[in-house]
Every structure is written in structure tokens, then in C-alpha cells.
């Protein structure tokens, strides 16, 4: 019996696109023969994913689950928007979100966890779904938020089913105040985040590099106006304040009332419930953001298919 090494399993995974446990089993069944193992996987319908693994998966769904003081959000990508309407795919994505809610946002840990109601891992279920549905799929990212007291609220935009859609948001509010009032506020802030896509919760959280880039641009603009140097500094700081109002959650105008800043709106609710409220966390996922999508000529694809 040949030794089934980690390197052998890795080689088979790369060549077949099948899951780790399936590769190990295939190598065991074929006495370590990689080519024979590929054939074994093909007979089981587990190697068909290999042909699809190189395709760009930039569509798919975001799923959010939240309950009380914790919540999770995941993004699972597929190749086409049509898959998002597939009930099996929807169930898969929501089940993965439930795993993330239990163990956290480490993608590798999620993939290695047991899929709910199954003896297979999440990664194995994904591989099986690739073969069944016929598109490349990928668990791209995940995150979990929690608070000691308060609520973690969620919102899904462009929803296709409960907790599933194209944009998913979690907002964590830390407070000892009334949870019903916090839940309402949290949902409103989550809807605000969906609309405005802030870069950070507060000015202190904003990426220093982003501030310096903006400062450099504003400084150059001010100098080109011909103003003296002692005036330029004041101009830049004033314009930075406007920049913060555009990109920082607490500084933005609250879309719910269109008048107060988000911070002011939170302070009003805090006064009503008699307890301070802190935005302890915020996550906004939009399907496919940051993925370079392939531009395809559909007419050419059809012509090639029938030639």
C-alpha cells in the first residue's frame, strides 16, 4: 500500500478540483496512483469541477444571519446571476452563513467545518454543488460580529429570499439600553450603510493612507488657486471635514431623516433609552465588488458553440 502523503493529495486536488477528503479517498482506493485517482473521481462525478475551476466567479449571493448579540455575513460567488435564483444554491449559501455564525469568519475554518445536516465538510458540499449546478463557485469571504450587550442588526438589499441578496450589512450596537429600540436603530443604520458605503465608522478608524491621499489632492488644488500658504492649511482642513462627511459613518447625514448626522441620530436614541450607544462594528458586502469580471462576446460564444 503506497503512502498517501499530503503532497500527493495536494497534487490530485490541483489536477481534479475535488475536495481534500475525496482526493484522499480516491488515492487510497487506487493505491496512490494519481491518474487512476482522477478516473475514480470522475466516475463519482467529483472531478467535473476541475474544468470549471478556472472560470471567473463574480456573481452569486451574500447571506446574513443575526440573532441577539451576534451575526455573520458571507459571500459565495458563482459565474452567472442565474445561479442566485437557484433554490439549492440559496440553501447552500445560507447554511454556510449559519456555520460562520457559529465559528467565525475564517474562510479556511469554515470550509473545513461540517456542513449542517451532513457528514461532509463545507468545502466538499461546495465541490459537489459545482458538479451538480455546473458553475464554478467560491466561498470568498465571511465575517462575524458580536457584542457583550446590545444588538447585531442586519439588512439585505436586492433580496432574493430571506437573508439573501446582492448587498448584505451587519451593524453591531453596544449598549445596555432597550434592545427593541436598539434593533430598530440598528436596522436603520444598516440600511444607511447599504446606501452610502462608508469607509469607516469614525474618523479615527479611517485608513491614514486614505486621509493623506485626500490631503495631498486638496493641498495641490488649493495651491493652484493661488492662495498664500498660511491660507492653504485652513482650506485643506475645511475640505477634509467635508471629505469625512462623505466617507465616515458617524459624520454622514443620516439617510433616514436627511438632517442629522448619524452620530447625532444615535445620540438622540441614546437619550431616549437612557444608555450610551456605541457602533462597535460594521460590515458591508456587495456581491463581486473588487473582482475583475471577464468581458465576453455572447454572440461569438454562440457562434463558436454551433460551428
C-alpha atoms as a PDB file:
ATOM      1  CA  UNK A   1       0.000   0.000   0.000  1.00  0.00           C
ATOM      2  CA  UNK A   2       1.516   3.315  -1.101  1.00  0.00           C
ATOM      3  CA  UNK A   3       1.834   6.100   1.467  1.00  0.00           C
ATOM      4  CA  UNK A   4      -0.792   8.778   0.861  1.00  0.00           C
ATOM      5  CA  UNK A   5       1.198  11.939   1.567  1.00  0.00           C
ATOM      6  CA  UNK A   6      -0.099  15.495   1.891  1.00  0.00           C
ATOM      7  CA  UNK A   7       1.824  16.384  -1.276  1.00  0.00           C
ATOM      8  CA  UNK A   8       0.072  13.634  -3.215  1.00  0.00           C
ATOM      9  CA  UNK A   9      -3.319  14.830  -2.003  1.00  0.00           C
ATOM     10  CA  UNK A  10      -2.451  18.412  -2.969  1.00  0.00           C
ATOM     11  CA  UNK A  11      -1.355  17.314  -6.449  1.00  0.00           C
ATOM     12  CA  UNK A  12      -4.618  15.473  -7.011  1.00  0.00           C
ATOM     13  CA  UNK A  13      -6.662  18.421  -5.727  1.00  0.00           C
ATOM     14  CA  UNK A  14      -4.948  20.745  -8.202  1.00  0.00           C
ATOM     15  CA  UNK A  15      -5.474  18.363 -11.108  1.00  0.00           C
ATOM     16  CA  UNK A  16      -9.030  17.332 -10.281  1.00  0.00           C
ATOM     17  CA  UNK A  17     -10.579  20.270  -8.451  1.00  0.00           C
ATOM     18  CA  UNK A  18     -12.117  17.807  -5.984  1.00  0.00           C
ATOM     19  CA  UNK A  19     -12.219  18.255  -2.199  1.00  0.00           C
ATOM     20  CA  UNK A  20      -9.384  17.187   0.094  1.00  0.00           C
ATOM     21  CA  UNK A  21     -11.205  14.248   1.661  1.00  0.00           C
ATOM     22  CA  UNK A  22     -12.422  12.994  -1.722  1.00  0.00           C
ATOM     23  CA  UNK A  23      -8.851  13.163  -3.061  1.00  0.00           C
ATOM     24  CA  UNK A  24      -7.512  11.247  -0.078  1.00  0.00           C
ATOM     25  CA  UNK A  25     -10.169   8.574  -0.512  1.00  0.00           C
ATOM     26  CA  UNK A  26      -9.508   8.339  -4.249  1.00  0.00           C
ATOM     27  CA  UNK A  27      -5.769   7.872  -3.668  1.00  0.00           C
ATOM     28  CA  UNK A  28      -6.457   5.226  -1.034  1.00  0.00           C
ATOM     29  CA  UNK A  29      -8.731   3.357  -3.438  1.00  0.00           C
ATOM     30  CA  UNK A  30      -6.147   3.491  -6.250  1.00  0.00           C
ATOM     31  CA  UNK A  31      -3.007   2.778  -4.184  1.00  0.00           C
ATOM     32  CA  UNK A  32      -1.627   6.289  -4.688  1.00  0.00           C
ATOM     33  CA  UNK A  33      -1.898   6.337  -8.496  1.00  0.00           C
ATOM     34  CA  UNK A  34      -2.836   9.957  -9.337  1.00  0.00           C
ATOM     35  CA  UNK A  35      -4.089   9.250 -12.859  1.00  0.00           C
ATOM     36  CA  UNK A  36      -6.191   6.350 -11.654  1.00  0.00           C
ATOM     37  CA  UNK A  37      -7.444   8.502  -8.799  1.00  0.00           C
ATOM     38  CA  UNK A  38      -8.616  11.151 -11.290  1.00  0.00           C
ATOM     39  CA  UNK A  39     -10.554   8.469 -13.146  1.00  0.00           C
ATOM     40  CA  UNK A  40     -12.012   7.246  -9.842  1.00  0.00           C
ATOM     41  CA  UNK A  41     -13.140  10.786  -9.019  1.00  0.00           C
ATOM     42  CA  UNK A  42     -14.652  11.173 -12.481  1.00  0.00           C
ATOM     43  CA  UNK A  43     -16.714   8.030 -12.032  1.00  0.00           C
ATOM     44  CA  UNK A  44     -18.069   9.535  -8.819  1.00  0.00           C
ATOM     45  CA  UNK A  45     -18.839  12.843 -10.526  1.00  0.00           C
ATOM     46  CA  UNK A  46     -16.339  14.670  -8.333  1.00  0.00           C
ATOM     47  CA  UNK A  47     -13.747  15.741 -10.879  1.00  0.00           C
ATOM     48  CA  UNK A  48     -16.064  17.690 -13.141  1.00  0.00           C
ATOM     49  CA  UNK A  49     -15.341  20.784 -11.054  1.00  0.00           C
ATOM     50  CA  UNK A  50     -11.819  20.892 -12.459  1.00  0.00           C
ATOM     51  CA  UNK A  51     -12.993  22.168 -15.833  1.00  0.00           C
ATOM     52  CA  UNK A  52     -14.902  24.964 -14.133  1.00  0.00           C
ATOM     53  CA  UNK A  53     -12.377  25.999 -11.503  1.00  0.00           C
ATOM     54  CA  UNK A  54     -10.602  28.445 -13.817  1.00  0.00           C
ATOM     55  CA  UNK A  55     -13.704  30.449 -14.635  1.00  0.00           C
ATOM     56  CA  UNK A  56     -14.268  33.823 -13.030  1.00  0.00           C
ATOM     57  CA  UNK A  57     -16.936  33.636 -10.344  1.00  0.00           C
ATOM     58  CA  UNK A  58     -18.076  37.222  -9.827  1.00  0.00           C
ATOM     59  CA  UNK A  59     -21.826  36.782  -9.334  1.00  0.00           C
ATOM     60  CA  UNK A  60     -23.574  34.889  -6.538  1.00  0.00           C
ATOM     61  CA  UNK A  61     -25.165  35.884  -3.247  1.00  0.00           C
ATOM     62  CA  UNK A  62     -24.472  37.458   0.107  1.00  0.00           C
ATOM     63  CA  UNK A  63     -26.158  35.877   3.138  1.00  0.00           C
ATOM     64  CA  UNK A  64     -26.617  37.453   6.568  1.00  0.00           C
ATOM     65  CA  UNK A  65     -27.814  35.859   9.787  1.00  0.00           C
ATOM     66  CA  UNK A  66     -28.206  37.738  13.049  1.00  0.00           C
ATOM     67  CA  UNK A  67     -29.761  36.930  16.371  1.00  0.00           C
ATOM     68  CA  UNK A  68     -29.484  38.972  19.543  1.00  0.00           C
ATOM     69  CA  UNK A  69     -25.882  39.895  20.227  1.00  0.00           C
ATOM     70  CA  UNK A  70     -24.195  38.207  17.251  1.00  0.00           C
ATOM     71  CA  UNK A  71     -24.427  37.868  13.493  1.00  0.00           C
ATOM     72  CA  UNK A  72     -22.493  36.749  10.431  1.00  0.00           C
ATOM     73  CA  UNK A  73     -22.261  37.623   6.754  1.00  0.00           C
ATOM     74  CA  UNK A  74     -20.755  35.566   3.916  1.00  0.00           C
ATOM     75  CA  UNK A  75     -20.263  35.977   0.181  1.00  0.00           C
ATOM     76  CA  UNK A  76     -20.411  32.929  -2.079  1.00  0.00           C
ATOM     77  CA  UNK A  77     -19.661  33.582  -5.719  1.00  0.00           C
ATOM     78  CA  UNK A  78     -20.812  31.824  -8.871  1.00  0.00           C
ATOM     79  CA  UNK A  79     -20.327  32.547 -12.563  1.00  0.00           C
ATOM     80  CA  UNK A  80     -23.771  33.853 -13.533  1.00  0.00           C
ATOM     81  CA  UNK A  81     -26.586  35.792 -11.955  1.00  0.00           C
ATOM     82  CA  UNK A  82     -28.976  32.936 -12.777  1.00  0.00           C
ATOM     83  CA  UNK A  83     -27.476  30.749 -10.055  1.00  0.00           C
ATOM     84  CA  UNK A  84     -28.630  33.232  -7.433  1.00  0.00           C
ATOM     85  CA  UNK A  85     -32.209  32.184  -8.228  1.00  0.00           C
ATOM     86  CA  UNK A  86     -31.436  28.506  -7.745  1.00  0.00           C
ATOM     87  CA  UNK A  87     -33.018  27.294  -4.501  1.00  0.00           C
ATOM     88  CA  UNK A  88     -30.254  24.728  -3.916  1.00  0.00           C
ATOM     89  CA  UNK A  89     -27.622  27.455  -4.221  1.00  0.00           C
ATOM     90  CA  UNK A  90     -29.601  29.739  -1.916  1.00  0.00           C
ATOM     91  CA  UNK A  91     -29.841  26.980   0.690  1.00  0.00           C
ATOM     92  CA  UNK A  92     -26.091  26.333   0.359  1.00  0.00           C
ATOM     93  CA  UNK A  93     -25.166  29.986   0.924  1.00  0.00           C
ATOM     94  CA  UNK A  94     -27.493  30.380   3.907  1.00  0.00           C
ATOM     95  CA  UNK A  95     -26.176  27.196   5.517  1.00  0.00           C
ATOM     96  CA  UNK A  96     -22.612  28.465   5.120  1.00  0.00           C
ATOM     97  CA  UNK A  97     -23.644  31.714   6.830  1.00  0.00           C
ATOM     98  CA  UNK A  98     -25.005  29.660   9.727  1.00  0.00           C
ATOM     99  CA  UNK A  99     -21.634  27.919  10.033  1.00  0.00           C
ATOM    100  CA  UNK A 100     -19.893  31.323  10.081  1.00  0.00           C
ATOM    101  CA  UNK A 101     -22.273  32.459  12.824  1.00  0.00           C
ATOM    102  CA  UNK A 102     -21.096  29.516  14.920  1.00  0.00           C
ATOM    103  CA  UNK A 103     -17.338  29.507  14.312  1.00  0.00           C
ATOM    104  CA  UNK A 104     -16.421  32.973  12.993  1.00  0.00           C
ATOM    105  CA  UNK A 105     -15.195  34.460   9.748  1.00  0.00           C
ATOM    106  CA  UNK A 106     -12.071  32.387   8.971  1.00  0.00           C
ATOM    107  CA  UNK A 107     -12.785  31.071   5.466  1.00  0.00           C
ATOM    108  CA  UNK A 108     -10.479  28.060   5.739  1.00  0.00           C
ATOM    109  CA  UNK A 109     -12.028  27.097   9.070  1.00  0.00           C
ATOM    110  CA  UNK A 110     -15.499  27.388   7.590  1.00  0.00           C
ATOM    111  CA  UNK A 111     -14.555  25.218   4.606  1.00  0.00           C
ATOM    112  CA  UNK A 112     -13.183  22.575   6.949  1.00  0.00           C
ATOM    113  CA  UNK A 113     -16.283  22.563   9.171  1.00  0.00           C
ATOM    114  CA  UNK A 114     -19.102  20.054   8.909  1.00  0.00           C
ATOM    115  CA  UNK A 115     -21.930  21.278   6.692  1.00  0.00           C
ATOM    116  CA  UNK A 116     -25.238  21.456   8.649  1.00  0.00           C
ATOM    117  CA  UNK A 117     -27.212  18.222   8.495  1.00  0.00           C
ATOM    118  CA  UNK A 118     -24.416  16.408   6.671  1.00  0.00           C
ATOM    119  CA  UNK A 119     -21.320  14.302   7.274  1.00  0.00           C
ATOM    120  CA  UNK A 120     -19.435  16.285   4.599  1.00  0.00           C
ATOM    121  CA  UNK A 121     -17.411  19.444   5.054  1.00  0.00           C
ATOM    122  CA  UNK A 122     -18.490  22.792   3.650  1.00  0.00           C
ATOM    123  CA  UNK A 123     -15.709  22.531   1.067  1.00  0.00           C
ATOM    124  CA  UNK A 124     -16.968  19.122  -0.043  1.00  0.00           C
ATOM    125  CA  UNK A 125     -20.515  20.476  -0.341  1.00  0.00           C
ATOM    126  CA  UNK A 126     -19.225  23.331  -2.490  1.00  0.00           C
ATOM    127  CA  UNK A 127     -17.377  20.894  -4.750  1.00  0.00           C
ATOM    128  CA  UNK A 128     -20.484  18.760  -5.052  1.00  0.00           C
ATOM    129  CA  UNK A 129     -22.575  21.839  -5.885  1.00  0.00           C
ATOM    130  CA  UNK A 130     -20.119  22.826  -8.629  1.00  0.00           C
ATOM    131  CA  UNK A 131     -20.644  19.437 -10.235  1.00  0.00           C
ATOM    132  CA  UNK A 132     -24.418  19.487  -9.782  1.00  0.00           C
ATOM    133  CA  UNK A 133     -25.192  23.092 -10.726  1.00  0.00           C
ATOM    134  CA  UNK A 134     -22.482  23.300 -13.370  1.00  0.00           C
ATOM    135  CA  UNK A 135     -20.718  26.541 -12.440  1.00  0.00           C
ATOM    136  CA  UNK A 136     -17.561  27.438 -10.601  1.00  0.00           C
ATOM    137  CA  UNK A 137     -18.329  28.573  -7.035  1.00  0.00           C
ATOM    138  CA  UNK A 138     -16.228  30.051  -4.299  1.00  0.00           C
ATOM    139  CA  UNK A 139     -16.659  30.996  -0.661  1.00  0.00           C
ATOM    140  CA  UNK A 140     -14.917  34.337  -0.993  1.00  0.00           C
ATOM    141  CA  UNK A 141     -15.176  35.908   2.446  1.00  0.00           C
ATOM    142  CA  UNK A 142     -17.002  35.860   5.762  1.00  0.00           C
ATOM    143  CA  UNK A 143     -17.182  37.873   8.949  1.00  0.00           C
ATOM    144  CA  UNK A 144     -18.892  37.626  12.328  1.00  0.00           C
ATOM    145  CA  UNK A 145     -19.747  40.475  14.699  1.00  0.00           C
ATOM    146  CA  UNK A 146     -20.766  40.232  18.352  1.00  0.00           C
ATOM    147  CA  UNK A 147     -21.357  42.498  21.339  1.00  0.00           C
ATOM    148  CA  UNK A 148     -21.474  41.846  25.066  1.00  0.00           C
ATOM    149  CA  UNK A 149     -24.781  43.687  25.411  1.00  0.00           C
ATOM    150  CA  UNK A 150     -26.924  45.319  22.767  1.00  0.00           C
ATOM    151  CA  UNK A 151     -27.773  44.012  19.294  1.00  0.00           C
ATOM    152  CA  UNK A 152     -26.254  42.980  15.987  1.00  0.00           C
ATOM    153  CA  UNK A 153     -28.683  44.138  13.295  1.00  0.00           C
ATOM    154  CA  UNK A 154     -28.733  43.137   9.642  1.00  0.00           C
ATOM    155  CA  UNK A 155     -30.136  44.282   6.318  1.00  0.00           C
ATOM    156  CA  UNK A 156     -30.140  42.762   2.831  1.00  0.00           C
ATOM    157  CA  UNK A 157     -30.602  44.879  -0.278  1.00  0.00           C
ATOM    158  CA  UNK A 158     -31.911  43.418  -3.543  1.00  0.00           C
ATOM    159  CA  UNK A 159     -33.160  40.437  -1.570  1.00  0.00           C
ATOM    160  CA  UNK A 160     -33.981  37.212  -3.419  1.00  0.00           C
ATOM    161  CA  UNK A 161     -35.005  35.357  -0.249  1.00  0.00           C
ATOM    162  CA  UNK A 162     -34.965  35.945   3.487  1.00  0.00           C
ATOM    163  CA  UNK A 163     -31.396  36.908   4.455  1.00  0.00           C
ATOM    164  CA  UNK A 164     -30.072  36.544   0.897  1.00  0.00           C
ATOM    165  CA  UNK A 165     -29.314  39.191  -1.699  1.00  0.00           C
ATOM    166  CA  UNK A 166     -26.722  41.251  -3.541  1.00  0.00           C
ATOM    167  CA  UNK A 167     -25.721  43.548  -0.660  1.00  0.00           C
ATOM    168  CA  UNK A 168     -25.584  42.415   2.959  1.00  0.00           C
ATOM    169  CA  UNK A 169     -24.875  44.535   6.021  1.00  0.00           C
ATOM    170  CA  UNK A 170     -24.238  43.874   9.701  1.00  0.00           C
ATOM    171  CA  UNK A 171     -24.174  46.631  12.313  1.00  0.00           C
ATOM    172  CA  UNK A 172     -23.186  45.936  15.925  1.00  0.00           C
ATOM    173  CA  UNK A 173     -24.522  48.303  18.587  1.00  0.00           C
ATOM    174  CA  UNK A 174     -23.053  48.003  22.081  1.00  0.00           C
ATOM    175  CA  UNK A 175     -25.465  49.313  24.726  1.00  0.00           C
ATOM    176  CA  UNK A 176     -27.252  48.355  27.926  1.00  0.00           C
ATOM    177  CA  UNK A 177     -30.418  50.057  26.688  1.00  0.00           C
ATOM    178  CA  UNK A 178     -33.723  48.652  25.451  1.00  0.00           C
ATOM    179  CA  UNK A 179     -32.975  46.005  22.825  1.00  0.00           C
ATOM    180  CA  UNK A 180     -36.176  46.659  20.864  1.00  0.00           C
ATOM    181  CA  UNK A 181     -35.214  50.300  20.329  1.00  0.00           C
ATOM    182  CA  UNK A 182     -31.638  49.267  19.521  1.00  0.00           C
ATOM    183  CA  UNK A 183     -32.885  46.762  16.941  1.00  0.00           C
ATOM    184  CA  UNK A 184     -34.885  49.471  15.163  1.00  0.00           C
ATOM    185  CA  UNK A 185     -31.917  51.853  15.163  1.00  0.00           C
ATOM    186  CA  UNK A 186     -29.541  49.092  14.065  1.00  0.00           C
ATOM    187  CA  UNK A 187     -31.755  48.217  11.084  1.00  0.00           C
ATOM    188  CA  UNK A 188     -31.921  51.883  10.079  1.00  0.00           C
ATOM    189  CA  UNK A 189     -28.144  52.276  10.296  1.00  0.00           C
ATOM    190  CA  UNK A 190     -27.678  49.067   8.295  1.00  0.00           C
ATOM    191  CA  UNK A 191     -29.949  50.475   5.569  1.00  0.00           C
ATOM    192  CA  UNK A 192     -27.932  53.701   5.672  1.00  0.00           C
ATOM    193  CA  UNK A 193     -24.691  51.729   5.247  1.00  0.00           C
ATOM    194  CA  UNK A 194     -26.190  49.912   2.252  1.00  0.00           C
ATOM    195  CA  UNK A 195     -26.930  53.252   0.604  1.00  0.00           C
ATOM    196  CA  UNK A 196     -23.754  55.193   1.431  1.00  0.00           C
ATOM    197  CA  UNK A 197     -20.999  52.545   1.728  1.00  0.00           C
ATOM    198  CA  UNK A 198     -18.912  54.357   4.379  1.00  0.00           C
ATOM    199  CA  UNK A 199     -15.213  53.567   4.561  1.00  0.00           C
ATOM    200  CA  UNK A 200     -15.044  53.601   8.362  1.00  0.00           C
ATOM    201  CA  UNK A 201     -17.169  54.041  11.476  1.00  0.00           C
ATOM    202  CA  UNK A 202     -15.295  57.079  12.840  1.00  0.00           C
ATOM    203  CA  UNK A 203     -12.557  59.439  11.679  1.00  0.00           C
ATOM    204  CA  UNK A 204     -10.117  57.614  13.980  1.00  0.00           C
ATOM    205  CA  UNK A 205     -10.864  54.350  12.140  1.00  0.00           C
ATOM    206  CA  UNK A 206     -10.282  55.797   8.676  1.00  0.00           C
ATOM    207  CA  UNK A 207      -7.230  54.489   6.829  1.00  0.00           C
ATOM    208  CA  UNK A 208      -4.409  57.036   7.371  1.00  0.00           C
ATOM    209  CA  UNK A 209      -3.243  56.449   3.806  1.00  0.00           C
ATOM    210  CA  UNK A 210      -6.666  57.491   2.503  1.00  0.00           C
ATOM    211  CA  UNK A 211      -6.508  60.695   4.558  1.00  0.00           C
ATOM    212  CA  UNK A 212      -3.019  61.538   3.300  1.00  0.00           C
ATOM    213  CA  UNK A 213      -4.040  60.928  -0.326  1.00  0.00           C
ATOM    214  CA  UNK A 214      -7.004  63.251   0.102  1.00  0.00           C
ATOM    215  CA  UNK A 215      -4.865  65.836   1.903  1.00  0.00           C
ATOM    216  CA  UNK A 216      -2.306  65.787  -0.952  1.00  0.00           C
ATOM    217  CA  UNK A 217      -5.017  66.298  -3.580  1.00  0.00           C
ATOM    218  CA  UNK A 218      -6.670  69.101  -1.624  1.00  0.00           C
ATOM    219  CA  UNK A 219      -3.316  70.804  -0.984  1.00  0.00           C
ATOM    220  CA  UNK A 220      -2.483  70.783  -4.677  1.00  0.00           C
ATOM    221  CA  UNK A 221      -5.914  72.162  -5.567  1.00  0.00           C
ATOM    222  CA  UNK A 222      -5.502  74.942  -3.001  1.00  0.00           C
ATOM    223  CA  UNK A 223      -2.046  75.898  -4.296  1.00  0.00           C
ATOM    224  CA  UNK A 224      -3.334  76.063  -7.864  1.00  0.00           C
ATOM    225  CA  UNK A 225      -5.911  78.594  -6.672  1.00  0.00           C
ATOM    226  CA  UNK A 226      -3.026  80.955  -5.906  1.00  0.00           C
ATOM    227  CA  UNK A 227      -3.813  81.332  -2.227  1.00  0.00           C
ATOM    228  CA  UNK A 228      -0.941  82.061   0.204  1.00  0.00           C
ATOM    229  CA  UNK A 229       0.475  79.159   2.214  1.00  0.00           C
ATOM    230  CA  UNK A 230      -0.978  80.370   5.519  1.00  0.00           C
ATOM    231  CA  UNK A 231      -4.459  80.195   3.982  1.00  0.00           C
ATOM    232  CA  UNK A 232      -3.907  76.858   2.234  1.00  0.00           C
ATOM    233  CA  UNK A 233      -3.679  74.922   5.517  1.00  0.00           C
ATOM    234  CA  UNK A 234      -7.054  76.228   6.688  1.00  0.00           C
ATOM    235  CA  UNK A 235      -8.608  75.499   3.286  1.00  0.00           C
ATOM    236  CA  UNK A 236      -7.338  71.923   3.347  1.00  0.00           C
ATOM    237  CA  UNK A 237      -8.650  71.249   6.860  1.00  0.00           C
ATOM    238  CA  UNK A 238     -12.053  72.652   5.925  1.00  0.00           C
ATOM    239  CA  UNK A 239     -12.244  70.479   2.837  1.00  0.00           C
ATOM    240  CA  UNK A 240     -11.092  67.439   4.817  1.00  0.00           C
ATOM    241  CA  UNK A 241     -14.100  67.930   7.091  1.00  0.00           C
ATOM    242  CA  UNK A 242     -16.322  67.660   4.017  1.00  0.00           C
ATOM    243  CA  UNK A 243     -14.420  64.529   2.963  1.00  0.00           C
ATOM    244  CA  UNK A 244     -15.123  62.964   6.362  1.00  0.00           C
ATOM    245  CA  UNK A 245     -18.823  63.714   5.973  1.00  0.00           C
ATOM    246  CA  UNK A 246     -18.750  61.792   2.699  1.00  0.00           C
ATOM    247  CA  UNK A 247     -16.911  58.649   3.831  1.00  0.00           C
ATOM    248  CA  UNK A 248     -17.167  58.280   7.634  1.00  0.00           C
ATOM    249  CA  UNK A 249     -20.332  56.681   9.004  1.00  0.00           C
ATOM    250  CA  UNK A 250     -20.762  58.809  12.127  1.00  0.00           C
ATOM    251  CA  UNK A 251     -20.118  62.018  10.154  1.00  0.00           C
ATOM    252  CA  UNK A 252     -22.511  61.251   7.295  1.00  0.00           C
ATOM    253  CA  UNK A 253     -26.004  62.737   7.052  1.00  0.00           C
ATOM    254  CA  UNK A 254     -28.422  60.031   8.222  1.00  0.00           C
ATOM    255  CA  UNK A 255     -30.459  58.936   5.189  1.00  0.00           C
ATOM    256  CA  UNK A 256     -33.454  58.138   7.411  1.00  0.00           C
ATOM    257  CA  UNK A 257     -34.130  61.776   8.357  1.00  0.00           C
ATOM    258  CA  UNK A 258     -31.896  63.649   5.904  1.00  0.00           C
ATOM    259  CA  UNK A 259     -30.943  66.220   8.559  1.00  0.00           C
ATOM    260  CA  UNK A 260     -28.936  64.847  11.487  1.00  0.00           C
ATOM    261  CA  UNK A 261     -25.556  63.219  11.255  1.00  0.00           C
ATOM    262  CA  UNK A 262     -25.568  59.511  12.086  1.00  0.00           C
ATOM    263  CA  UNK A 263     -23.788  60.352  15.345  1.00  0.00           C
ATOM    264  CA  UNK A 264     -26.468  62.898  16.268  1.00  0.00           C
ATOM    265  CA  UNK A 265     -29.244  60.421  15.437  1.00  0.00           C
ATOM    266  CA  UNK A 266     -27.592  57.800  17.658  1.00  0.00           C
ATOM    267  CA  UNK A 267     -27.240  60.318  20.492  1.00  0.00           C
ATOM    268  CA  UNK A 268     -30.964  61.105  20.278  1.00  0.00           C
ATOM    269  CA  UNK A 269     -31.886  57.436  20.679  1.00  0.00           C
ATOM    270  CA  UNK A 270     -29.323  57.028  23.464  1.00  0.00           C
ATOM    271  CA  UNK A 271     -31.006  59.858  25.346  1.00  0.00           C
ATOM    272  CA  UNK A 272     -34.425  58.254  24.849  1.00  0.00           C
ATOM    273  CA  UNK A 273     -33.351  54.861  26.201  1.00  0.00           C
ATOM    274  CA  UNK A 274     -31.143  56.288  28.926  1.00  0.00           C
ATOM    275  CA  UNK A 275     -27.975  54.470  27.890  1.00  0.00           C
ATOM    276  CA  UNK A 276     -24.944  55.272  25.694  1.00  0.00           C
ATOM    277  CA  UNK A 277     -24.787  53.553  22.288  1.00  0.00           C
ATOM    278  CA  UNK A 278     -21.541  52.643  20.538  1.00  0.00           C
ATOM    279  CA  UNK A 279     -21.290  51.415  16.955  1.00  0.00           C
ATOM    280  CA  UNK A 280     -18.957  48.525  17.772  1.00  0.00           C
ATOM    281  CA  UNK A 281     -18.745  47.047  14.286  1.00  0.00           C
ATOM    282  CA  UNK A 282     -19.913  47.380  10.697  1.00  0.00           C
ATOM    283  CA  UNK A 283     -19.634  45.080   7.687  1.00  0.00           C
ATOM    284  CA  UNK A 284     -20.899  45.749   4.169  1.00  0.00           C
ATOM    285  CA  UNK A 285     -20.571  43.070   1.477  1.00  0.00           C
ATOM    286  CA  UNK A 286     -21.640  43.638  -2.112  1.00  0.00           C
ATOM    287  CA  UNK A 287     -21.501  40.664  -4.473  1.00  0.00           C
ATOM    288  CA  UNK A 288     -18.495  40.739  -6.763  1.00  0.00           C
ATOM    289  CA  UNK A 289     -17.005  44.025  -5.564  1.00  0.00           C
ATOM    290  CA  UNK A 290     -13.313  44.129  -6.373  1.00  0.00           C
ATOM    291  CA  UNK A 291     -13.435  41.087  -8.660  1.00  0.00           C
ATOM    292  CA  UNK A 292     -12.263  41.710 -12.204  1.00  0.00           C
ATOM    293  CA  UNK A 293     -15.036  40.334 -14.386  1.00  0.00           C
ATOM    294  CA  UNK A 294     -14.410  38.843 -17.785  1.00  0.00           C
ATOM    295  CA  UNK A 295     -15.868  40.752 -20.714  1.00  0.00           C
ATOM    296  CA  UNK A 296     -17.404  38.207 -23.066  1.00  0.00           C
ATOM    297  CA  UNK A 297     -18.811  38.450 -26.567  1.00  0.00           C
ATOM    298  CA  UNK A 298     -22.039  36.464 -26.244  1.00  0.00           C
ATOM    299  CA  UNK A 299     -22.675  36.361 -29.999  1.00  0.00           C
ATOM    300  CA  UNK A 300     -19.188  34.982 -30.595  1.00  0.00           C
ATOM    301  CA  UNK A 301     -19.713  32.322 -27.909  1.00  0.00           C
ATOM    302  CA  UNK A 302     -22.941  31.170 -29.560  1.00  0.00           C
ATOM    303  CA  UNK A 303     -21.304  31.127 -32.982  1.00  0.00           C
ATOM    304  CA  UNK A 304     -18.409  29.080 -31.623  1.00  0.00           C
ATOM    305  CA  UNK A 305     -20.799  26.631 -29.961  1.00  0.00           C
ATOM    306  CA  UNK A 306     -22.680  25.864 -33.181  1.00  0.00           C
ATOM    307  CA  UNK A 307     -19.672  25.798 -35.528  1.00  0.00           C
END
